[in-house]
Amino acid sequence: MRISDVSRRRPDGLEIDVLVSPRSPKRCLDGFDEWRKRLIVRVRAPPVGGKADEDVCGLFSEIAGCRSEITAGMTSRQKTVLVRGDAADIEAALEKATESDR
């Protein structure tokens, strides 16, 4: 799978469907869940008080160098993240990050 299989380009950025794994020992993009068609995101923060959501947004912001926000799934492990900026640049940065984390 590729980032384009789990994302949609929008005029204001790239929207990505993710599956979050909180309380992980490693903070990274960890491949794809092919059955759910989602990018697996591992974060260290616990799923309490929005801390894991903040960690997810922070990770995407670091990788893409753009602002990010969760647009769906605030109380679920399955979320949609919008990374604001040039969709092609964001997609390229995320592809590179998923390759290096494998």
C-alpha atoms as a PDB file:
ATOM      1  CA  MET A   1       0.000   0.000   0.000  1.00  0.00           C
ATOM      2  CA  ARG A   2       0.972   3.610  -0.457  1.00  0.00           C
ATOM      3  CA  ILE A   3      -0.042   6.920   1.149  1.00  0.00           C
ATOM      4  CA  SER A   4      -2.267   7.643  -1.864  1.00  0.00           C
ATOM      5  CA  ASP A   5      -4.325   4.529  -0.988  1.00  0.00           C
ATOM      6  CA  VAL A   6      -5.253   5.931   2.437  1.00  0.00           C
ATOM      7  CA  SER A   7      -5.505   9.643   1.653  1.00  0.00           C
ATOM      8  CA  ARG A   8      -7.432  12.245  -0.319  1.00  0.00           C
ATOM      9  CA  ARG A   9      -6.093  15.476  -1.750  1.00  0.00           C
ATOM     10  CA  ARG A  10      -8.001  18.610  -0.778  1.00  0.00           C
ATOM     11  CA  PRO A  11      -7.458  22.228  -1.784  1.00  0.00           C
ATOM     12  CA  ASP A  12      -6.079  22.967   1.707  1.00  0.00           C
ATOM     13  CA  GLY A  13      -3.920  19.851   2.132  1.00  0.00           C
ATOM     14  CA  LEU A  14      -3.983  16.082   2.427  1.00  0.00           C
ATOM     15  CA  GLU A  15      -6.537  14.119   4.433  1.00  0.00           C
ATOM     16  CA  ILE A  16      -5.224  10.768   5.737  1.00  0.00           C
ATOM     17  CA  ASP A  17      -7.122   7.854   7.286  1.00  0.00           C
ATOM     18  CA  VAL A  18      -5.131   6.484  10.215  1.00  0.00           C
ATOM     19  CA  LEU A  19      -5.287   3.775  12.866  1.00  0.00           C
ATOM     20  CA  VAL A  20      -3.710   5.002  16.110  1.00  0.00           C
ATOM     21  CA  SER A  21      -1.840   2.763  18.519  1.00  0.00           C
ATOM     22  CA  PRO A  22      -1.374   4.746  21.774  1.00  0.00           C
ATOM     23  CA  ARG A  23       1.104   3.897  24.561  1.00  0.00           C
ATOM     24  CA  SER A  24       3.576   2.496  22.052  1.00  0.00           C
ATOM     25  CA  PRO A  25       7.268   2.265  22.869  1.00  0.00           C
ATOM     26  CA  LYS A  26       8.077   3.934  19.536  1.00  0.00           C
ATOM     27  CA  ARG A  27       6.562   7.083  17.970  1.00  0.00           C
ATOM     28  CA  CYS A  28       6.326   6.522  14.215  1.00  0.00           C
ATOM     29  CA  LEU A  29       4.370   5.715  11.083  1.00  0.00           C
ATOM     30  CA  ASP A  30       4.328   1.917  11.066  1.00  0.00           C
ATOM     31  CA  GLY A  31       3.042   0.722   7.719  1.00  0.00           C
ATOM     32  CA  PHE A  32      -0.522   0.073   6.686  1.00  0.00           C
ATOM     33  CA  ASP A  33      -3.545  -1.861   7.878  1.00  0.00           C
ATOM     34  CA  GLU A  34      -4.607  -3.239   4.502  1.00  0.00           C
ATOM     35  CA  TRP A  35      -7.927  -4.577   5.760  1.00  0.00           C
ATOM     36  CA  ARG A  36      -9.035  -1.208   7.170  1.00  0.00           C
ATOM     37  CA  LYS A  37      -7.181   0.789   4.481  1.00  0.00           C
ATOM     38  CA  ARG A  38      -5.471   2.985   7.074  1.00  0.00           C
ATOM     39  CA  LEU A  39      -1.975   4.178   7.897  1.00  0.00           C
ATOM     40  CA  ILE A  40      -0.811   2.814  11.279  1.00  0.00           C
ATOM     41  CA  VAL A  41       0.428   5.561  13.596  1.00  0.00           C
ATOM     42  CA  ARG A  42       2.180   4.654  16.845  1.00  0.00           C
ATOM     43  CA  VAL A  43       2.416   7.276  19.583  1.00  0.00           C
ATOM     44  CA  ARG A  44       3.734   7.170  23.139  1.00  0.00           C
ATOM     45  CA  ALA A  45       0.950   9.203  24.740  1.00  0.00           C
ATOM     46  CA  PRO A  46      -1.970   7.483  26.473  1.00  0.00           C
ATOM     47  CA  PRO A  47      -5.494   7.807  25.034  1.00  0.00           C
ATOM     48  CA  VAL A  48      -6.559  10.076  27.891  1.00  0.00           C
ATOM     49  CA  GLY A  49      -7.678  13.692  27.704  1.00  0.00           C
ATOM     50  CA  GLY A  50      -6.755  14.062  24.038  1.00  0.00           C
ATOM     51  CA  LYS A  51      -3.053  13.428  24.689  1.00  0.00           C
ATOM     52  CA  ALA A  52      -2.744  10.724  22.004  1.00  0.00           C
ATOM     53  CA  ASP A  53      -4.548  13.009  19.526  1.00  0.00           C
ATOM     54  CA  GLU A  54      -2.064  15.799  20.255  1.00  0.00           C
ATOM     55  CA  ASP A  55       0.810  13.356  19.776  1.00  0.00           C
ATOM     56  CA  VAL A  56      -0.625  12.200  16.423  1.00  0.00           C
ATOM     57  CA  CYS A  57      -0.925  15.803  15.195  1.00  0.00           C
ATOM     58  CA  GLY A  58       2.569  16.585  16.448  1.00  0.00           C
ATOM     59  CA  LEU A  59       4.042  13.604  14.609  1.00  0.00           C
ATOM     60  CA  PHE A  60       2.389  14.562  11.312  1.00  0.00           C
ATOM     61  CA  SER A  61       3.478  18.182  11.754  1.00  0.00           C
ATOM     62  CA  GLU A  62       7.089  17.113  12.336  1.00  0.00           C
ATOM     63  CA  ILE A  63       7.174  14.797   9.321  1.00  0.00           C
ATOM     64  CA  ALA A  64       5.430  17.107   6.857  1.00  0.00           C
ATOM     65  CA  GLY A  65       6.560  20.456   8.263  1.00  0.00           C
ATOM     66  CA  CYS A  66       2.940  21.647   8.200  1.00  0.00           C
ATOM     67  CA  ARG A  67       0.102  22.177  10.630  1.00  0.00           C
ATOM     68  CA  SER A  68      -2.199  19.190  11.165  1.00  0.00           C
ATOM     69  CA  GLU A  69      -5.495  18.496  12.876  1.00  0.00           C
ATOM     70  CA  ILE A  70      -7.840  15.588  13.478  1.00  0.00           C
ATOM     71  CA  THR A  71     -11.050  16.036  11.499  1.00  0.00           C
ATOM     72  CA  ALA A  72     -12.845  12.778  12.402  1.00  0.00           C
ATOM     73  CA  GLY A  73     -12.611  10.070  15.055  1.00  0.00           C
ATOM     74  CA  MET A  74     -11.721  12.125  18.112  1.00  0.00           C
ATOM     75  CA  THR A  75     -12.759   9.285  20.469  1.00  0.00           C
ATOM     76  CA  SER A  76     -11.771   6.367  18.240  1.00  0.00           C
ATOM     77  CA  ARG A  77      -8.518   4.659  17.228  1.00  0.00           C
ATOM     78  CA  GLN A  78      -9.630   5.147  13.608  1.00  0.00           C
ATOM     79  CA  LYS A  79      -9.145   8.807  12.770  1.00  0.00           C
ATOM     80  CA  THR A  80      -8.887  11.166   9.835  1.00  0.00           C
ATOM     81  CA  VAL A  81      -6.037  13.673   9.959  1.00  0.00           C
ATOM     82  CA  LEU A  82      -5.835  16.778   7.786  1.00  0.00           C
ATOM     83  CA  VAL A  83      -2.305  17.990   7.126  1.00  0.00           C
ATOM     84  CA  ARG A  84      -2.467  21.530   5.739  1.00  0.00           C
ATOM     85  CA  GLY A  85      -0.193  22.564   2.894  1.00  0.00           C
ATOM     86  CA  ASP A  86       0.750  21.346  -0.570  1.00  0.00           C
ATOM     87  CA  ALA A  87      -0.756  17.860  -0.914  1.00  0.00           C
ATOM     88  CA  ALA A  88       1.976  16.559  -3.235  1.00  0.00           C
ATOM     89  CA  ASP A  89       4.769  17.676  -0.871  1.00  0.00           C
ATOM     90  CA  ILE A  90       2.984  16.209   2.143  1.00  0.00           C
ATOM     91  CA  GLU A  91       2.392  12.920   0.346  1.00  0.00           C
ATOM     92  CA  ALA A  92       6.081  12.701  -0.619  1.00  0.00           C
ATOM     93  CA  ALA A  93       7.211  13.387   2.971  1.00  0.00           C
ATOM     94  CA  LEU A  94       4.855  10.744   4.355  1.00  0.00           C
ATOM     95  CA  GLU A  95       5.959   8.173   1.747  1.00  0.00           C
ATOM     96  CA  LYS A  96       9.571   8.777   2.753  1.00  0.00           C
ATOM     97  CA  ALA A  97       8.709   8.452   6.462  1.00  0.00           C
ATOM     98  CA  THR A  98       6.808   5.184   5.992  1.00  0.00           C
ATOM     99  CA  GLU A  99       9.727   3.715   4.030  1.00  0.00           C
ATOM    100  CA  SER A 100      12.298   4.703   6.662  1.00  0.00           C
ATOM    101  CA  ASP A 101      10.199   3.383   9.556  1.00  0.00           C
ATOM    102  CA  ARG A 102       9.791  -0.121   8.078  1.00  0.00           C
END
